Amino acid sequence: MKHFQSKVLTAAIFISFCSGALAGGGGGTRLNPKTLPNAALVGTYNNAQEINGFKVGDTIYDIDGDGKITKKEATQEDVDNDDFKGLGLKEVAALHDQSLADLTGIVDENSEALVETVKVVNEISTDVKANTAAIAEKADKTELDKVSKKADKNADGIATKANSADVYTKAEVYTKQESDNRFVKIGDGIGNLNTTANGLETRLAAAEKSITEHGTRLNGLDRTVSDLRKETRQGLAEQAALSGLFQPYNVSRFNVTAAVGGYKSESAVAIGTGFRFTENFAAKAGVAVGTSSGSSAAYHVGVNYEW
């Protein structure tokens, strides 16, 4: 059972009522309020509910297979039975965006740790290269002793730096395998989020397409109502013109009569003729045509008996 908001339903019921009233009129296209406006609007606003969501206490409407609409307040069971637990597509997409942002933060932290580790290794490598160059240049024992002392000092410095607070310890730095495993998990999580996002985009595209189709149908319905309104005004104008025709008064005499009529923006012209057979019996006929383009003709034939 699908639900949609009360403000939306009010518009749907109003359009359905107007459509039913117009369908009961004269000639022209007949409208079915159960099968055209309700079907179109229900589909449209069900899609709107899936995008925006709802919560406990909101006014919703149940629609059964016969098109019967029942007003109620949303319960926790209604929220639990919803595909997105009442959140809507917009809220679900926002939660996925937040999860992706959290994963990105973890990746940034690991990258910073690796940069610090590389920096320490580069410093140690620089000291070793400097000592090697000094040993190659100084061949005498005295200079070698100086170099040896410097090497010992550097070794002590390296040992101190390895335990200092400004350098990450082995326990604080991920091993290559641990980093690889975390990157794999992060990659899998990003892949799952991308798959979910693609699915949401597909559903949003389908919802937009459905809304566009229903909008087209409503536009067609509006044109039909406009045509029916024009035909109704033309018919009333033609009837006004026909009512202005006279019947014959003298026995054995024909008469020719003409009249004009109008209703709001429409007008019509009518002509007619009649014949009185006796003082008690007469007959007449008339036809009226609207003055606007596309108008249809209206006519009447009548007899009169007096005593």
Protein backbone atom coordinates (compact mmCIF):
# COMPACT_ATOMS: atom_id res chain seq x y z
CA MET A 1 0.00 0.00 0.00
CA LYS A 2 1.50 3.38 -1.03
CA HIS A 3 1.01 6.72 0.82
CA PHE A 4 1.24 10.37 -0.13
CA GLN A 5 0.83 13.69 1.66
CA SER A 6 -2.57 15.30 2.40
CA LYS A 7 -1.85 18.57 0.61
CA VAL A 8 -1.12 16.67 -2.58
CA LEU A 9 -4.22 14.49 -2.20
CA THR A 10 -6.45 17.54 -1.83
CA ALA A 11 -5.35 18.69 -5.30
CA ALA A 12 -5.91 15.20 -6.71
CA ILE A 13 -9.46 14.94 -5.26
CA PHE A 14 -10.35 18.42 -6.51
CA ILE A 15 -9.20 17.64 -10.08
CA SER A 16 -11.04 14.33 -9.98
CA PHE A 17 -14.29 16.05 -8.86
CA CYS A 18 -14.02 18.69 -11.59
CA SER A 19 -13.29 16.04 -14.21
CA GLY A 20 -16.38 14.05 -13.16
CA ALA A 21 -18.58 17.12 -13.35
CA LEU A 22 -17.40 18.02 -16.82
CA ALA A 23 -17.77 14.46 -18.07
CA GLY A 24 -21.50 14.60 -17.32
CA GLY A 25 -22.03 17.48 -19.77
CA GLY A 26 -23.10 17.51 -23.42
CA GLY A 27 -21.14 16.42 -26.52
CA GLY A 28 -17.38 16.19 -26.78
CA THR A 29 -14.80 13.95 -25.11
CA ARG A 30 -15.99 12.26 -21.88
CA LEU A 31 -13.55 12.05 -18.91
CA ASN A 32 -13.31 9.19 -16.42
CA PRO A 33 -12.21 10.59 -13.00
CA LYS A 34 -11.28 7.16 -11.63
CA THR A 35 -9.02 6.03 -14.43
CA LEU A 36 -7.31 9.20 -15.68
CA PRO A 37 -6.71 11.95 -13.02
CA ASN A 38 -6.41 9.67 -9.97
CA ALA A 39 -4.13 7.17 -11.72
CA ALA A 40 -1.88 9.95 -12.99
CA LEU A 41 -1.69 11.92 -9.72
CA VAL A 42 -1.28 8.89 -7.44
CA GLY A 43 1.70 7.66 -9.49
CA THR A 44 3.25 11.16 -9.45
CA TYR A 45 2.97 11.74 -5.69
CA ASN A 46 4.03 8.21 -4.75
CA ASN A 47 7.32 9.07 -6.53
CA ALA A 48 7.48 12.39 -4.64
CA GLN A 49 7.04 10.51 -1.29
CA GLU A 50 9.89 8.09 -2.14
CA ILE A 51 12.17 11.10 -2.75
CA ASN A 52 11.16 13.25 0.30
CA GLY A 53 10.13 10.56 2.87
CA PHE A 54 7.70 10.80 5.84
CA LYS A 55 7.64 10.19 9.62
CA VAL A 56 5.35 8.92 12.36
CA GLY A 57 2.37 11.26 12.82
CA ASP A 58 2.37 12.62 9.26
CA THR A 59 -0.97 12.49 7.44
CA ILE A 60 -0.93 9.79 4.76
CA TYR A 61 -3.51 8.13 2.51
CA ASP A 62 -4.03 4.44 1.73
CA ILE A 63 -5.24 3.62 -1.81
CA ASP A 64 -6.69 0.13 -2.42
CA GLY A 65 -7.14 -1.69 -5.76
CA ASP A 66 -10.56 -0.08 -6.33
CA GLY A 67 -9.12 3.45 -6.05
CA LYS A 68 -10.69 4.08 -2.60
CA ILE A 69 -8.69 6.67 -0.63
CA THR A 70 -8.52 6.50 3.22
CA LYS A 71 -6.95 9.24 5.36
CA LYS A 72 -4.83 8.17 8.40
CA GLU A 73 -1.81 9.14 10.47
CA ALA A 74 1.47 7.33 9.74
CA THR A 75 2.41 4.76 12.42
CA GLN A 76 5.76 3.19 13.25
CA GLU A 77 4.65 0.11 11.30
CA ASP A 78 4.07 2.26 8.19
CA VAL A 79 7.59 3.72 8.57
CA ASP A 80 9.14 0.24 9.11
CA ASN A 81 7.36 -1.16 6.03
CA ASP A 82 8.69 1.63 3.81
CA ASP A 83 11.66 0.68 1.55
CA PHE A 84 13.85 3.43 3.10
CA LYS A 85 12.20 3.43 6.58
CA GLY A 86 10.57 6.78 5.84
CA LEU A 87 13.87 8.55 5.06
CA GLY A 88 13.37 9.07 1.31
CA LEU A 89 15.94 8.94 -1.46
CA LYS A 90 17.39 12.39 -0.61
CA GLU A 91 18.19 11.43 3.02
CA VAL A 92 19.68 8.03 2.04
CA ALA A 93 21.95 9.72 -0.51
CA ALA A 94 23.09 12.22 2.17
CA LEU A 95 23.99 9.38 4.58
CA HIS A 96 26.03 7.65 1.89
CA ASP A 97 27.86 10.92 1.17
CA GLN A 98 28.78 11.22 4.89
CA SER A 99 30.09 7.62 4.97
CA LEU A 100 32.26 8.36 1.94
CA ALA A 101 33.62 11.50 3.65
CA ASP A 102 34.55 9.47 6.78
CA LEU A 103 36.43 6.90 4.69
CA THR A 104 38.27 9.70 2.90
CA GLY A 105 39.44 11.03 6.31
CA ILE A 106 40.90 7.63 7.25
CA VAL A 107 42.80 7.51 3.94
CA ASP A 108 44.23 10.98 4.61
CA GLU A 109 45.44 9.94 8.10
CA ASN A 110 47.23 6.86 6.72
CA SER A 111 48.85 8.96 4.00
CA GLU A 112 50.22 11.42 6.59
CA ALA A 113 51.70 8.55 8.65
CA LEU A 114 53.47 7.15 5.59
CA VAL A 115 54.89 10.61 4.77
CA GLU A 116 56.39 10.93 8.29
CA THR A 117 57.95 7.45 8.04
CA VAL A 118 59.55 8.27 4.69
CA LYS A 119 60.91 11.51 6.13
CA VAL A 120 62.71 9.67 8.98
CA VAL A 121 64.19 7.11 6.57
CA ASN A 122 65.45 9.90 4.31
CA GLU A 123 67.19 11.65 7.23
CA ILE A 124 68.96 8.44 8.29
CA SER A 125 70.01 7.74 4.70
CA THR A 126 71.48 11.25 4.41
CA ASP A 127 73.61 10.78 7.55
CA VAL A 128 74.91 7.40 6.35
CA LYS A 129 75.89 8.83 2.95
CA ALA A 130 77.74 11.71 4.64
CA ASN A 131 79.72 9.31 6.85
CA THR A 132 80.61 7.09 3.89
CA ALA A 133 81.92 10.08 1.94
CA ALA A 134 84.03 11.23 4.90
CA ILE A 135 85.61 7.78 5.30
CA ALA A 136 86.52 7.66 1.60
CA GLU A 137 88.19 11.10 1.72
CA LYS A 138 90.12 10.61 4.99
CA ALA A 139 92.53 7.62 4.90
CA ASP A 140 94.59 8.32 8.03
CA LYS A 141 93.68 6.77 11.36
CA THR A 142 93.15 10.07 13.10
CA GLU A 143 90.54 11.17 10.65
CA LEU A 144 89.03 7.69 10.73
CA ASP A 145 88.75 7.93 14.51
CA LYS A 146 87.00 11.27 14.13
CA VAL A 147 84.68 9.75 11.59
CA SER A 148 84.11 6.75 13.84
CA LYS A 149 83.24 9.03 16.75
CA LYS A 150 80.92 11.00 14.51
CA ALA A 151 79.34 7.75 13.33
CA ASP A 152 78.84 6.68 16.93
CA LYS A 153 77.29 10.05 17.69
CA ASN A 154 75.02 9.73 14.70
CA ALA A 155 74.06 6.22 15.78
CA ASP A 156 73.18 7.52 19.24
CA GLY A 157 71.18 10.32 17.65
CA ILE A 158 69.35 7.87 15.43
CA ALA A 159 68.53 5.67 18.43
CA THR A 160 67.31 8.70 20.36
CA LYS A 161 65.23 9.94 17.44
CA ALA A 162 63.70 6.50 16.99
CA ASN A 163 62.31 6.74 20.54
CA SER A 164 61.50 10.48 20.58
CA ALA A 165 57.94 11.72 20.88
CA ASP A 166 58.01 13.57 17.55
CA VAL A 167 58.46 10.32 15.53
CA TYR A 168 55.90 7.53 15.14
CA THR A 169 56.94 4.27 16.84
CA LYS A 170 56.66 0.88 15.18
CA ALA A 171 53.47 0.17 17.12
CA GLU A 172 51.93 3.42 15.87
CA VAL A 173 52.76 2.92 12.19
CA TYR A 174 50.89 0.39 10.07
CA THR A 175 52.90 -2.34 8.39
CA LYS A 176 52.74 -2.56 4.61
CA GLN A 177 50.38 -5.54 4.84
CA GLU A 178 48.12 -3.73 7.32
CA SER A 179 48.06 -0.62 5.12
CA ASP A 180 47.31 -2.73 2.03
CA ASN A 181 44.46 -4.49 3.86
CA ARG A 182 42.97 -1.17 5.00
CA PHE A 183 43.22 0.28 1.50
CA VAL A 184 41.48 -2.82 0.11
CA LYS A 185 38.65 -2.42 2.65
CA ILE A 186 38.36 1.28 1.86
CA GLY A 187 38.33 0.51 -1.87
CA ASP A 188 35.58 -2.09 -1.35
CA GLY A 189 33.55 0.38 0.70
CA ILE A 190 33.91 3.08 -1.95
CA GLY A 191 32.92 0.57 -4.64
CA ASN A 192 29.79 -0.39 -2.68
CA LEU A 193 28.89 3.27 -2.18
CA ASN A 194 29.35 3.92 -5.90
CA THR A 195 27.08 0.97 -6.72
CA THR A 196 24.43 2.26 -4.32
CA ALA A 197 24.73 5.80 -5.69
CA ASN A 198 24.33 4.51 -9.25
CA GLY A 199 21.21 2.61 -8.19
CA LEU A 200 19.77 5.74 -6.60
CA GLU A 201 20.52 7.76 -9.73
CA THR A 202 18.68 5.15 -11.81
CA ARG A 203 15.63 5.29 -9.53
CA LEU A 204 15.66 9.11 -9.52
CA ALA A 205 15.85 9.13 -13.33
CA ALA A 206 12.89 6.73 -13.50
CA ALA A 207 10.93 8.91 -11.07
CA GLU A 208 11.66 12.05 -13.10
CA LYS A 209 10.56 10.26 -16.29
CA SER A 210 7.31 9.15 -14.64
CA ILE A 211 6.61 12.67 -13.38
CA THR A 212 7.21 14.06 -16.88
CA GLU A 213 4.82 11.51 -18.41
CA HIS A 214 2.10 12.33 -15.88
CA GLY A 215 2.65 16.03 -16.50
CA THR A 216 2.07 15.42 -20.21
CA ARG A 217 -1.16 13.58 -19.43
CA LEU A 218 -2.36 16.40 -17.18
CA ASN A 219 -1.61 18.91 -19.94
CA GLY A 220 -3.73 16.83 -22.32
CA LEU A 221 -6.53 16.76 -19.75
CA ASP A 222 -6.34 20.54 -19.39
CA ARG A 223 -6.68 20.97 -23.16
CA THR A 224 -9.70 18.65 -23.18
CA VAL A 225 -11.36 20.67 -20.40
CA SER A 226 -10.68 23.91 -22.31
CA ASP A 227 -12.26 22.47 -25.48
CA LEU A 228 -15.30 21.31 -23.51
CA ARG A 229 -15.69 24.75 -21.92
CA LYS A 230 -15.60 26.39 -25.37
CA GLU A 231 -18.19 23.96 -26.80
CA THR A 232 -20.46 24.55 -23.80
CA ARG A 233 -20.36 28.33 -24.27
CA GLN A 234 -20.99 27.95 -28.00
CA GLY A 235 -23.99 25.71 -27.32
CA LEU A 236 -25.48 28.19 -24.85
CA ALA A 237 -25.01 31.03 -27.35
CA GLU A 238 -26.76 28.99 -30.09
CA GLN A 239 -29.67 28.15 -27.76
CA ALA A 240 -30.05 31.82 -26.91
CA ALA A 241 -30.25 32.62 -30.63
CA LEU A 242 -32.82 29.85 -31.32
CA SER A 243 -35.02 31.05 -28.47
CA GLY A 244 -35.31 34.43 -30.20
CA LEU A 245 -37.03 33.03 -33.34
CA PHE A 246 -40.76 33.82 -33.81
CA GLN A 247 -43.54 31.44 -34.84
CA PRO A 248 -46.15 32.35 -37.52
CA TYR A 249 -49.39 34.07 -36.46
CA ASN A 250 -51.58 34.31 -39.58
CA VAL A 251 -53.34 31.27 -41.02
CA SER A 252 -51.93 29.89 -44.30
CA ARG A 253 -48.91 32.15 -44.05
CA PHE A 254 -45.18 31.31 -44.02
CA ASN A 255 -42.82 33.41 -41.95
CA VAL A 256 -39.03 33.79 -41.95
CA THR A 257 -37.35 34.92 -38.74
CA ALA A 258 -33.75 35.56 -37.56
CA ALA A 259 -32.11 36.18 -34.20
CA VAL A 260 -28.71 36.46 -32.54
CA GLY A 261 -27.62 35.18 -29.14
CA GLY A 262 -24.53 35.07 -26.99
CA TYR A 263 -22.99 33.69 -23.83
CA LYS A 264 -19.83 35.25 -22.34
CA SER A 265 -17.22 35.37 -25.14
CA GLU A 266 -19.23 33.25 -27.63
CA SER A 267 -22.03 34.41 -29.99
CA ALA A 268 -24.33 32.73 -32.53
CA VAL A 269 -26.78 33.55 -35.36
CA ALA A 270 -30.09 31.70 -35.90
CA ILE A 271 -32.60 31.68 -38.77
CA GLY A 272 -35.95 29.88 -38.98
CA THR A 273 -39.26 29.54 -40.80
CA GLY A 274 -42.79 28.54 -39.86
CA PHE A 275 -46.30 27.93 -41.24
CA ARG A 276 -49.72 28.22 -39.53
CA PHE A 277 -52.07 25.62 -40.98
CA THR A 278 -55.16 26.68 -38.99
CA GLU A 279 -55.95 29.02 -36.20
CA ASN A 280 -55.25 26.15 -33.79
CA PHE A 281 -52.20 24.44 -35.39
CA ALA A 282 -48.77 25.76 -36.47
CA ALA A 283 -45.23 24.43 -37.04
CA LYS A 284 -41.77 25.99 -37.17
CA ALA A 285 -38.06 25.03 -37.58
CA GLY A 286 -34.76 26.86 -36.98
CA VAL A 287 -30.99 26.42 -37.09
CA ALA A 288 -28.20 28.30 -35.27
CA VAL A 289 -24.46 28.50 -35.94
CA GLY A 290 -21.72 29.95 -33.70
CA THR A 291 -19.65 32.84 -35.04
CA SER A 292 -16.26 31.50 -33.85
CA SER A 293 -14.15 29.01 -35.81
CA GLY A 294 -14.85 25.32 -35.28
CA SER A 295 -18.41 25.88 -34.10
CA SER A 296 -21.08 23.23 -34.59
CA ALA A 297 -24.68 23.88 -35.67
CA ALA A 298 -27.73 23.54 -33.41
CA TYR A 299 -31.32 23.21 -34.66
CA HIS A 300 -34.91 22.72 -33.54
CA VAL A 301 -38.26 21.71 -35.04
CA GLY A 302 -41.52 22.32 -33.22
CA VAL A 303 -45.30 22.26 -33.61
CA ASN A 304 -47.96 24.23 -31.77
CA TYR A 305 -51.63 23.37 -31.13
CA GLU A 306 -53.95 25.86 -29.45
CA TRP A 307 -57.51 25.47 -28.18
